[in-house]
């Protein structure tokens, strides 16, 4: 049986200062981390239609919203960017919970 495809969706929009903070504080190192390898990042614009093949529990309302998906289905989310010190443990917890299911 093939492993599930897991990715982290980042919903953003132009002018989002918290998105810019994430870009400065997390984005450069994200693909180099265990979390980045477990859940590669895909950026989406908040106001754009949802790409085909994605099923979310509810549409994101503000940016950034990070949605962890497994085989295109939402398994967890972080609404907002709480800062680098909180982001990493929250993401690690989401990934661990998805791995248990």
PDB file of N, CA and C in Angstrom:
ATOM      1  N   UNK A   1       0.842  -1.189   0.000  1.00  0.00           N
ATOM      2  CA  UNK A   1       0.000   0.000   0.000  1.00  0.00           C
ATOM      3  C   UNK A   1       0.879   1.241   0.000  1.00  0.00           C
ATOM      4  N   UNK A   2       0.559   2.193  -0.819  1.00  0.00           N
ATOM      5  CA  UNK A   2       1.355   3.412  -0.934  1.00  0.00           C
ATOM      6  C   UNK A   2       1.132   4.303   0.281  1.00  0.00           C
ATOM      7  N   UNK A   3       2.191   5.033   0.637  1.00  0.00           N
ATOM      8  CA  UNK A   3       2.089   5.979   1.751  1.00  0.00           C
ATOM      9  C   UNK A   3       1.172   7.127   1.350  1.00  0.00           C
ATOM     10  N   UNK A   4       0.487   7.668   2.331  1.00  0.00           N
ATOM     11  CA  UNK A   4      -0.409   8.802   2.080  1.00  0.00           C
ATOM     12  C   UNK A   4       0.419  10.021   1.687  1.00  0.00           C
ATOM     13  N   UNK A   5      -0.139  10.825   0.797  1.00  0.00           N
ATOM     14  CA  UNK A   5       0.519  12.065   0.417  1.00  0.00           C
ATOM     15  C   UNK A   5       0.061  13.154   1.383  1.00  0.00           C
ATOM     16  N   UNK A   6       1.017  13.715   2.100  1.00  0.00           N
ATOM     17  CA  UNK A   6       0.740  14.755   3.085  1.00  0.00           C
ATOM     18  C   UNK A   6       1.380  16.041   2.596  1.00  0.00           C
ATOM     19  N   UNK A   7       0.635  17.145   2.712  1.00  0.00           N
ATOM     20  CA  UNK A   7       1.217  18.444   2.400  1.00  0.00           C
ATOM     21  C   UNK A   7       0.615  19.501   3.306  1.00  0.00           C
ATOM     22  N   UNK A   8       1.350  20.598   3.425  1.00  0.00           N
ATOM     23  CA  UNK A   8       0.886  21.729   4.217  1.00  0.00           C
ATOM     24  C   UNK A   8       0.487  22.832   3.251  1.00  0.00           C
ATOM     25  N   UNK A   9      -0.781  23.204   3.309  1.00  0.00           N
ATOM     26  CA  UNK A   9      -1.272  24.309   2.489  1.00  0.00           C
ATOM     27  C   UNK A   9      -1.140  25.587   3.292  1.00  0.00           C
ATOM     28  N   UNK A  10      -0.627  26.633   2.670  1.00  0.00           N
ATOM     29  CA  UNK A  10      -0.560  27.949   3.312  1.00  0.00           C
ATOM     30  C   UNK A  10      -1.457  28.883   2.524  1.00  0.00           C
ATOM     31  N   UNK A  11      -2.555  29.300   3.137  1.00  0.00           N
ATOM     32  CA  UNK A  11      -3.444  30.264   2.504  1.00  0.00           C
ATOM     33  C   UNK A  11      -2.955  31.654   2.880  1.00  0.00           C
ATOM     34  N   UNK A  12      -2.687  32.474   1.878  1.00  0.00           N
ATOM     35  CA  UNK A  12      -2.133  33.807   2.086  1.00  0.00           C
ATOM     36  C   UNK A  12      -2.828  34.810   1.181  1.00  0.00           C
ATOM     37  N   UNK A  13      -2.518  36.079   1.384  1.00  0.00           N
ATOM     38  CA  UNK A  13      -3.029  37.125   0.501  1.00  0.00           C
ATOM     39  C   UNK A  13      -2.053  38.293   0.536  1.00  0.00           C
ATOM     40  N   UNK A  14      -2.033  39.093  -0.527  1.00  0.00           N
ATOM     41  CA  UNK A  14      -1.125  40.238  -0.582  1.00  0.00           C
ATOM     42  C   UNK A  14      -1.382  41.193   0.593  1.00  0.00           C
ATOM     43  N   UNK A  15      -0.300  41.722   1.143  1.00  0.00           N
ATOM     44  CA  UNK A  15      -0.409  42.689   2.221  1.00  0.00           C
ATOM     45  C   UNK A  15      -0.533  42.086   3.610  1.00  0.00           C
ATOM     46  N   UNK A  16      -0.512  40.776   3.716  1.00  0.00           N
ATOM     47  CA  UNK A  16      -0.640  40.098   5.014  1.00  0.00           C
ATOM     48  C   UNK A  16       0.690  40.197   5.767  1.00  0.00           C
ATOM     49  N   UNK A  17       0.693  40.966   6.852  1.00  0.00           N
ATOM     50  CA  UNK A  17       1.945  41.156   7.593  1.00  0.00           C
ATOM     51  C   UNK A  17       2.371  39.887   8.326  1.00  0.00           C
ATOM     52  N   UNK A  18       1.413  39.062   8.711  1.00  0.00           N
ATOM     53  CA  UNK A  18       1.760  37.811   9.390  1.00  0.00           C
ATOM     54  C   UNK A  18       2.320  36.784   8.408  1.00  0.00           C
ATOM     55  N   UNK A  19       1.846  36.838   7.165  1.00  0.00           N
ATOM     56  CA  UNK A  19       2.432  35.994   6.110  1.00  0.00           C
ATOM     57  C   UNK A  19       3.881  36.409   5.873  1.00  0.00           C
ATOM     58  N   UNK A  20       4.123  37.712   5.845  1.00  0.00           N
ATOM     59  CA  UNK A  20       5.482  38.230   5.643  1.00  0.00           C
ATOM     60  C   UNK A  20       6.390  37.802   6.793  1.00  0.00           C
ATOM     61  N   UNK A  21       5.864  37.824   8.014  1.00  0.00           N
ATOM     62  CA  UNK A  21       6.658  37.384   9.166  1.00  0.00           C
ATOM     63  C   UNK A  21       6.997  35.902   9.026  1.00  0.00           C
ATOM     64  N   UNK A  22       6.026  35.084   8.616  1.00  0.00           N
ATOM     65  CA  UNK A  22       6.283  33.658   8.413  1.00  0.00           C
ATOM     66  C   UNK A  22       7.342  33.469   7.326  1.00  0.00           C
ATOM     67  N   UNK A  23       7.224  34.251   6.255  1.00  0.00           N
ATOM     68  CA  UNK A  23       8.206  34.164   5.167  1.00  0.00           C
ATOM     69  C   UNK A  23       9.616  34.461   5.674  1.00  0.00           C
ATOM     70  N   UNK A  24       9.747  35.424   6.566  1.00  0.00           N
ATOM     71  CA  UNK A  24      11.066  35.788   7.120  1.00  0.00           C
ATOM     72  C   UNK A  24      11.566  34.742   8.114  1.00  0.00           C
ATOM     73  N   UNK A  25      10.684  34.307   8.996  1.00  0.00           N
ATOM     74  CA  UNK A  25      11.105  33.507  10.141  1.00  0.00           C
ATOM     75  C   UNK A  25      11.125  32.003   9.892  1.00  0.00           C
ATOM     76  N   UNK A  26      10.277  31.513   9.002  1.00  0.00           N
ATOM     77  CA  UNK A  26      10.118  30.063   8.844  1.00  0.00           C
ATOM     78  C   UNK A  26      10.422  29.574   7.430  1.00  0.00           C
ATOM     79  N   UNK A  27       9.951  30.297   6.429  1.00  0.00           N
ATOM     80  CA  UNK A  27      10.022  29.810   5.041  1.00  0.00           C
ATOM     81  C   UNK A  27      11.415  29.365   4.596  1.00  0.00           C
ATOM     82  N   UNK A  28      12.488  30.118   4.904  1.00  0.00           N
ATOM     83  CA  UNK A  28      13.801  29.677   4.399  1.00  0.00           C
ATOM     84  C   UNK A  28      14.226  28.309   4.914  1.00  0.00           C
ATOM     85  N   UNK A  29      13.872  27.992   6.150  1.00  0.00           N
ATOM     86  CA  UNK A  29      14.314  26.716   6.718  1.00  0.00           C
ATOM     87  C   UNK A  29      13.273  25.604   6.570  1.00  0.00           C
ATOM     88  N   UNK A  30      12.055  25.956   6.227  1.00  0.00           N
ATOM     89  CA  UNK A  30      10.973  24.960   6.211  1.00  0.00           C
ATOM     90  C   UNK A  30      11.315  23.705   5.402  1.00  0.00           C
ATOM     91  N   UNK A  31      11.768  23.834   4.149  1.00  0.00           N
ATOM     92  CA  UNK A  31      12.013  22.604   3.377  1.00  0.00           C
ATOM     93  C   UNK A  31      13.175  21.762   3.917  1.00  0.00           C
ATOM     94  N   UNK A  32      13.979  22.331   4.808  1.00  0.00           N
ATOM     95  CA  UNK A  32      15.141  21.628   5.351  1.00  0.00           C
ATOM     96  C   UNK A  32      14.821  20.869   6.639  1.00  0.00           C
ATOM     97  N   UNK A  33      13.610  21.043   7.164  1.00  0.00           N
ATOM     98  CA  UNK A  33      13.236  20.448   8.452  1.00  0.00           C
ATOM     99  C   UNK A  33      12.530  19.113   8.255  1.00  0.00           C
ATOM    100  N   UNK A  34      12.432  18.347   9.348  1.00  0.00           N
ATOM    101  CA  UNK A  34      11.676  17.095   9.303  1.00  0.00           C
ATOM    102  C   UNK A  34      10.229  17.367   8.917  1.00  0.00           C
ATOM    103  N   UNK A  35       9.664  18.455   9.476  1.00  0.00           N
ATOM    104  CA  UNK A  35       8.279  18.808   9.165  1.00  0.00           C
ATOM    105  C   UNK A  35       8.123  19.154   7.683  1.00  0.00           C
ATOM    106  N   UNK A  36       9.067  19.895   7.139  1.00  0.00           N
ATOM    107  CA  UNK A  36       9.018  20.282   5.733  1.00  0.00           C
ATOM    108  C   UNK A  36       9.146  19.094   4.798  1.00  0.00           C
ATOM    109  N   UNK A  37       9.926  18.099   5.205  1.00  0.00           N
ATOM    110  CA  UNK A  37      10.054  16.888   4.390  1.00  0.00           C
ATOM    111  C   UNK A  37       8.801  16.018   4.525  1.00  0.00           C
ATOM    112  N   UNK A  38       8.197  15.999   5.730  1.00  0.00           N
ATOM    113  CA  UNK A  38       6.994  15.185   5.947  1.00  0.00           C
ATOM    114  C   UNK A  38       5.772  15.794   5.267  1.00  0.00           C
ATOM    115  N   UNK A  39       5.728  17.145   5.214  1.00  0.00           N
ATOM    116  CA  UNK A  39       4.565  17.849   4.668  1.00  0.00           C
ATOM    117  C   UNK A  39       5.040  19.025   3.829  1.00  0.00           C
ATOM    118  N   UNK A  40       5.416  18.773   2.578  1.00  0.00           N
ATOM    119  CA  UNK A  40       5.874  19.870   1.715  1.00  0.00           C
ATOM    120  C   UNK A  40       4.820  20.976   1.633  1.00  0.00           C
ATOM    121  N   UNK A  41       5.297  22.193   1.473  1.00  0.00           N
ATOM    122  CA  UNK A  41       4.440  23.377   1.469  1.00  0.00           C
ATOM    123  C   UNK A  41       3.868  23.651   0.084  1.00  0.00           C
ATOM    124  N   UNK A  42       2.573  23.967   0.070  1.00  0.00           N
ATOM    125  CA  UNK A  42       1.932  24.481  -1.148  1.00  0.00           C
ATOM    126  C   UNK A  42       1.216  25.765  -0.765  1.00  0.00           C
ATOM    127  N   UNK A  43       1.548  26.860  -1.445  1.00  0.00           N
ATOM    128  CA  UNK A  43       0.949  28.165  -1.168  1.00  0.00           C
ATOM    129  C   UNK A  43      -0.281  28.379  -2.041  1.00  0.00           C
ATOM    130  N   UNK A  44      -1.344  28.881  -1.412  1.00  0.00           N
ATOM    131  CA  UNK A  44      -2.583  29.171  -2.126  1.00  0.00           C
ATOM    132  C   UNK A  44      -3.054  30.562  -1.733  1.00  0.00           C
ATOM    133  N   UNK A  45      -3.689  31.234  -2.662  1.00  0.00           N
ATOM    134  CA  UNK A  45      -4.253  32.550  -2.368  1.00  0.00           C
ATOM    135  C   UNK A  45      -5.626  32.370  -1.720  1.00  0.00           C
ATOM    136  N   UNK A  46      -5.868  33.122  -0.658  1.00  0.00           N
ATOM    137  CA  UNK A  46      -7.093  32.994   0.120  1.00  0.00           C
ATOM    138  C   UNK A  46      -8.346  33.139  -0.728  1.00  0.00           C
ATOM    139  N   UNK A  47      -8.353  34.087  -1.642  1.00  0.00           N
ATOM    140  CA  UNK A  47      -9.569  34.402  -2.400  1.00  0.00           C
ATOM    141  C   UNK A  47      -9.727  33.577  -3.688  1.00  0.00           C
ATOM    142  N   UNK A  48      -8.711  32.798  -4.031  1.00  0.00           N
ATOM    143  CA  UNK A  48      -8.806  31.982  -5.243  1.00  0.00           C
ATOM    144  C   UNK A  48      -9.683  30.763  -4.989  1.00  0.00           C
ATOM    145  N   UNK A  49     -10.284  30.223  -6.043  1.00  0.00           N
ATOM    146  CA  UNK A  49     -11.049  28.973  -5.869  1.00  0.00           C
ATOM    147  C   UNK A  49     -10.114  27.863  -5.379  1.00  0.00           C
ATOM    148  N   UNK A  50     -10.648  26.972  -4.598  1.00  0.00           N
ATOM    149  CA  UNK A  50      -9.882  25.848  -4.086  1.00  0.00           C
ATOM    150  C   UNK A  50      -9.520  24.920  -5.252  1.00  0.00           C
ATOM    151  N   UNK A  51      -8.252  24.523  -5.342  1.00  0.00           N
ATOM    152  CA  UNK A  51      -7.883  23.601  -6.420  1.00  0.00           C
ATOM    153  C   UNK A  51      -8.668  22.294  -6.333  1.00  0.00           C
ATOM    154  N   UNK A  52      -8.906  21.702  -7.477  1.00  0.00           N
ATOM    155  CA  UNK A  52      -9.623  20.431  -7.546  1.00  0.00           C
ATOM    156  C   UNK A  52      -8.859  19.383  -6.751  1.00  0.00           C
ATOM    157  N   UNK A  53      -9.600  18.536  -6.068  1.00  0.00           N
ATOM    158  CA  UNK A  53      -8.975  17.442  -5.344  1.00  0.00           C
ATOM    159  C   UNK A  53      -8.685  17.745  -3.888  1.00  0.00           C
ATOM    160  N   UNK A  54      -9.042  18.940  -3.414  1.00  0.00           N
ATOM    161  CA  UNK A  54      -8.846  19.286  -2.007  1.00  0.00           C
ATOM    162  C   UNK A  54     -10.198  19.340  -1.303  1.00  0.00           C
ATOM    163  N   UNK A  55     -10.255  18.762  -0.108  1.00  0.00           N
ATOM    164  CA  UNK A  55     -11.465  18.790   0.703  1.00  0.00           C
ATOM    165  C   UNK A  55     -11.111  19.364   2.065  1.00  0.00           C
ATOM    166  N   UNK A  56     -11.659  20.553   2.357  1.00  0.00           N
ATOM    167  CA  UNK A  56     -11.406  21.192   3.641  1.00  0.00           C
ATOM    168  C   UNK A  56     -12.643  21.108   4.521  1.00  0.00           C
ATOM    169  N   UNK A  57     -12.430  21.126   5.830  1.00  0.00           N
ATOM    170  CA  UNK A  57     -13.543  21.108   6.770  1.00  0.00           C
ATOM    171  C   UNK A  57     -14.356  22.387   6.636  1.00  0.00           C
ATOM    172  N   UNK A  58     -13.656  23.501   6.473  1.00  0.00           N
ATOM    173  CA  UNK A  58     -14.296  24.794   6.245  1.00  0.00           C
ATOM    174  C   UNK A  58     -13.308  25.676   5.497  1.00  0.00           C
ATOM    175  N   UNK A  59     -13.809  26.675   4.771  1.00  0.00           N
ATOM    176  CA  UNK A  59     -12.881  27.538   4.053  1.00  0.00           C
ATOM    177  C   UNK A  59     -12.079  28.403   5.029  1.00  0.00           C
ATOM    178  N   UNK A  60     -10.816  28.663   4.728  1.00  0.00           N
ATOM    179  CA  UNK A  60     -10.048  29.571   5.580  1.00  0.00           C
ATOM    180  C   UNK A  60     -10.656  30.972   5.516  1.00  0.00           C
ATOM    181  N   UNK A  61     -10.609  31.675   6.637  1.00  0.00           N
ATOM    182  CA  UNK A  61     -11.215  33.000   6.710  1.00  0.00           C
ATOM    183  C   UNK A  61     -10.168  34.104   6.675  1.00  0.00           C
ATOM    184  N   UNK A  62      -9.019  33.851   7.292  1.00  0.00           N
ATOM    185  CA  UNK A  62      -7.980  34.885   7.326  1.00  0.00           C
ATOM    186  C   UNK A  62      -6.623  34.272   7.045  1.00  0.00           C
ATOM    187  N   UNK A  63      -5.636  35.150   6.886  1.00  0.00           N
ATOM    188  CA  UNK A  63      -4.294  34.693   6.518  1.00  0.00           C
ATOM    189  C   UNK A  63      -3.291  35.057   7.598  1.00  0.00           C
ATOM    190  N   UNK A  64      -2.252  34.224   7.686  1.00  0.00           N
ATOM    191  CA  UNK A  64      -2.154  32.925   7.029  1.00  0.00           C
ATOM    192  C   UNK A  64      -2.971  31.877   7.773  1.00  0.00           C
ATOM    193  N   UNK A  65      -3.460  30.935   7.032  1.00  0.00           N
ATOM    194  CA  UNK A  65      -4.043  29.726   7.603  1.00  0.00           C
ATOM    195  C   UNK A  65      -3.275  28.561   7.003  1.00  0.00           C
ATOM    196  N   UNK A  66      -2.791  27.693   7.874  1.00  0.00           N
ATOM    197  CA  UNK A  66      -2.027  26.522   7.461  1.00  0.00           C
ATOM    198  C   UNK A  66      -2.922  25.298   7.630  1.00  0.00           C
ATOM    199  N   UNK A  67      -3.105  24.551   6.547  1.00  0.00           N
ATOM    200  CA  UNK A  67      -3.978  23.380   6.582  1.00  0.00           C
ATOM    201  C   UNK A  67      -3.158  22.158   6.193  1.00  0.00           C
ATOM    202  N   UNK A  68      -3.105  21.193   7.098  1.00  0.00           N
ATOM    203  CA  UNK A  68      -2.427  19.941   6.814  1.00  0.00           C
ATOM    204  C   UNK A  68      -3.424  19.019   6.125  1.00  0.00           C
ATOM    205  N   UNK A  69      -3.064  18.531   4.944  1.00  0.00           N
ATOM    206  CA  UNK A  69      -3.939  17.626   4.215  1.00  0.00           C
ATOM    207  C   UNK A  69      -3.233  16.298   3.974  1.00  0.00           C
ATOM    208  N   UNK A  70      -4.033  15.252   4.030  1.00  0.00           N
ATOM    209  CA  UNK A  70      -3.549  13.907   3.733  1.00  0.00           C
ATOM    210  C   UNK A  70      -4.393  13.378   2.591  1.00  0.00           C
ATOM    211  N   UNK A  71      -3.744  13.073   1.479  1.00  0.00           N
ATOM    212  CA  UNK A  71      -4.441  12.648   0.261  1.00  0.00           C
ATOM    213  C   UNK A  71      -5.544  13.648  -0.112  1.00  0.00           C
ATOM    214  N   UNK A  72      -5.248  14.947   0.076  1.00  0.00           N
ATOM    215  CA  UNK A  72      -6.156  16.010  -0.334  1.00  0.00           C
ATOM    216  C   UNK A  72      -7.261  16.337   0.651  1.00  0.00           C
ATOM    217  N   UNK A  73      -7.294  15.659   1.804  1.00  0.00           N
ATOM    218  CA  UNK A  73      -8.356  15.870   2.797  1.00  0.00           C
ATOM    219  C   UNK A  73      -7.739  16.496   4.050  1.00  0.00           C
ATOM    220  N   UNK A  74      -8.378  17.554   4.542  1.00  0.00           N
ATOM    221  CA  UNK A  74      -7.882  18.246   5.740  1.00  0.00           C
ATOM    222  C   UNK A  74      -7.851  17.315   6.941  1.00  0.00           C
ATOM    223  N   UNK A  75      -6.696  17.318   7.621  1.00  0.00           N
ATOM    224  CA  UNK A  75      -6.555  16.542   8.860  1.00  0.00           C
ATOM    225  C   UNK A  75      -6.198  17.444  10.044  1.00  0.00           C
ATOM    226  N   UNK A  76      -5.937  18.717   9.788  1.00  0.00           N
ATOM    227  CA  UNK A  76      -5.630  19.650  10.871  1.00  0.00           C
ATOM    228  C   UNK A  76      -5.319  21.017  10.313  1.00  0.00           C
ATOM    229  N   UNK A  77      -5.362  22.017  11.198  1.00  0.00           N
ATOM    230  CA  UNK A  77      -5.077  23.373  10.733  1.00  0.00           C
ATOM    231  C   UNK A  77      -4.549  24.236  11.859  1.00  0.00           C
ATOM    232  N   UNK A  78      -3.780  25.240  11.449  1.00  0.00           N
ATOM    233  CA  UNK A  78      -3.311  26.306  12.324  1.00  0.00           C
ATOM    234  C   UNK A  78      -3.851  27.590  11.727  1.00  0.00           C
ATOM    235  N   UNK A  79      -4.750  28.240  12.451  1.00  0.00           N
ATOM    236  CA  UNK A  79      -5.352  29.489  11.970  1.00  0.00           C
ATOM    237  C   UNK A  79      -4.514  30.642  12.509  1.00  0.00           C
ATOM    238  N   UNK A  80      -3.873  31.353  11.602  1.00  0.00           N
ATOM    239  CA  UNK A  80      -3.007  32.456  12.000  1.00  0.00           C
ATOM    240  C   UNK A  80      -1.567  31.997  12.168  1.00  0.00           C
ATOM    241  N   UNK A  81      -0.688  32.957  12.373  1.00  0.00           N
ATOM    242  CA  UNK A  81       0.723  32.662  12.612  1.00  0.00           C
ATOM    243  C   UNK A  81       1.073  33.150  14.006  1.00  0.00           C
ATOM    244  N   UNK A  82       1.268  32.221  14.948  1.00  0.00           N
ATOM    245  CA  UNK A  82       1.490  32.595  16.337  1.00  0.00           C
ATOM    246  C   UNK A  82       2.944  32.945  16.663  1.00  0.00           C
ATOM    247  N   UNK A  83       3.799  33.006  15.647  1.00  0.00           N
ATOM    248  CA  UNK A  83       5.228  33.234  15.858  1.00  0.00           C
ATOM    249  C   UNK A  83       5.982  31.924  15.752  1.00  0.00           C
ATOM    250  N   UNK A  84       7.247  32.042  15.413  1.00  0.00           N
ATOM    251  CA  UNK A  84       8.068  30.862  15.151  1.00  0.00           C
ATOM    252  C   UNK A  84       8.119  29.898  16.346  1.00  0.00           C
ATOM    253  N   UNK A  85       8.205  30.425  17.556  1.00  0.00           N
ATOM    254  CA  UNK A  85       8.336  29.573  18.744  1.00  0.00           C
ATOM    255  C   UNK A  85       7.106  28.693  18.967  1.00  0.00           C
ATOM    256  N   UNK A  86       5.943  29.142  18.521  1.00  0.00           N
ATOM    257  CA  UNK A  86       4.719  28.364  18.683  1.00  0.00           C
ATOM    258  C   UNK A  86       4.375  27.570  17.430  1.00  0.00           C
ATOM    259  N   UNK A  87       4.763  28.090  16.267  1.00  0.00           N
ATOM    260  CA  UNK A  87       4.413  27.443  14.999  1.00  0.00           C
ATOM    261  C   UNK A  87       4.975  26.025  14.915  1.00  0.00           C
ATOM    262  N   UNK A  88       6.282  25.876  15.198  1.00  0.00           N
ATOM    263  CA  UNK A  88       6.921  24.569  15.025  1.00  0.00           C
ATOM    264  C   UNK A  88       6.289  23.484  15.894  1.00  0.00           C
ATOM    265  N   UNK A  89       6.070  23.709  17.195  1.00  0.00           N
ATOM    266  CA  UNK A  89       5.432  22.644  17.993  1.00  0.00           C
ATOM    267  C   UNK A  89       3.993  22.337  17.549  1.00  0.00           C
ATOM    268  N   UNK A  90       3.245  23.362  17.151  1.00  0.00           N
ATOM    269  CA  UNK A  90       1.881  23.126  16.673  1.00  0.00           C
ATOM    270  C   UNK A  90       1.895  22.271  15.412  1.00  0.00           C
ATOM    271  N   UNK A  91       2.799  22.594  14.499  1.00  0.00           N
ATOM    272  CA  UNK A  91       2.887  21.822  13.258  1.00  0.00           C
ATOM    273  C   UNK A  91       3.339  20.395  13.534  1.00  0.00           C
ATOM    274  N   UNK A  92       4.329  20.235  14.398  1.00  0.00           N
ATOM    275  CA  UNK A  92       4.813  18.887  14.739  1.00  0.00           C
ATOM    276  C   UNK A  92       3.679  18.052  15.330  1.00  0.00           C
ATOM    277  N   UNK A  93       2.849  18.664  16.162  1.00  0.00           N
ATOM    278  CA  UNK A  93       1.713  17.959  16.755  1.00  0.00           C
ATOM    279  C   UNK A  93       0.711  17.538  15.684  1.00  0.00           C
ATOM    280  N   UNK A  94       0.408  18.434  14.738  1.00  0.00           N
ATOM    281  CA  UNK A  94      -0.524  18.083  13.653  1.00  0.00           C
ATOM    282  C   UNK A  94       0.002  16.903  12.840  1.00  0.00           C
ATOM    283  N   UNK A  95       1.282  16.948  12.514  1.00  0.00           N
ATOM    284  CA  UNK A  95       1.876  15.877  11.707  1.00  0.00           C
ATOM    285  C   UNK A  95       1.859  14.561  12.476  1.00  0.00           C
ATOM    286  N   UNK A  96       2.185  14.613  13.766  1.00  0.00           N
ATOM    287  CA  UNK A  96       2.178  13.384  14.591  1.00  0.00           C
ATOM    288  C   UNK A  96       0.777  12.810  14.685  1.00  0.00           C
ATOM    289  N   UNK A  97      -0.231  13.668  14.872  1.00  0.00           N
ATOM    290  CA  UNK A  97      -1.606  13.186  14.946  1.00  0.00           C
ATOM    291  C   UNK A  97      -2.052  12.571  13.631  1.00  0.00           C
ATOM    292  N   UNK A  98      -1.646  13.163  12.512  1.00  0.00           N
ATOM    293  CA  UNK A  98      -2.004  12.614  11.197  1.00  0.00           C
ATOM    294  C   UNK A  98      -1.346  11.253  10.997  1.00  0.00           C
ATOM    295  N   UNK A  99      -0.134  11.098  11.490  1.00  0.00           N
ATOM    296  CA  UNK A  99       0.594   9.820  11.338  1.00  0.00           C
ATOM    297  C   UNK A  99      -0.054   8.702  12.139  1.00  0.00           C
ATOM    298  N   UNK A 100      -0.730   9.061  13.235  1.00  0.00           N
ATOM    299  CA  UNK A 100      -1.380   8.048  14.079  1.00  0.00           C
ATOM    300  C   UNK A 100      -2.669   7.518  13.463  1.00  0.00           C
ATOM    301  N   UNK A 101      -3.293   8.313  12.622  1.00  0.00           N
ATOM    302  CA  UNK A 101      -4.582   7.902  12.038  1.00  0.00           C
ATOM    303  C   UNK A 101      -4.422   6.853  10.966  1.00  0.00           C
TER     304      UNK A 101
END
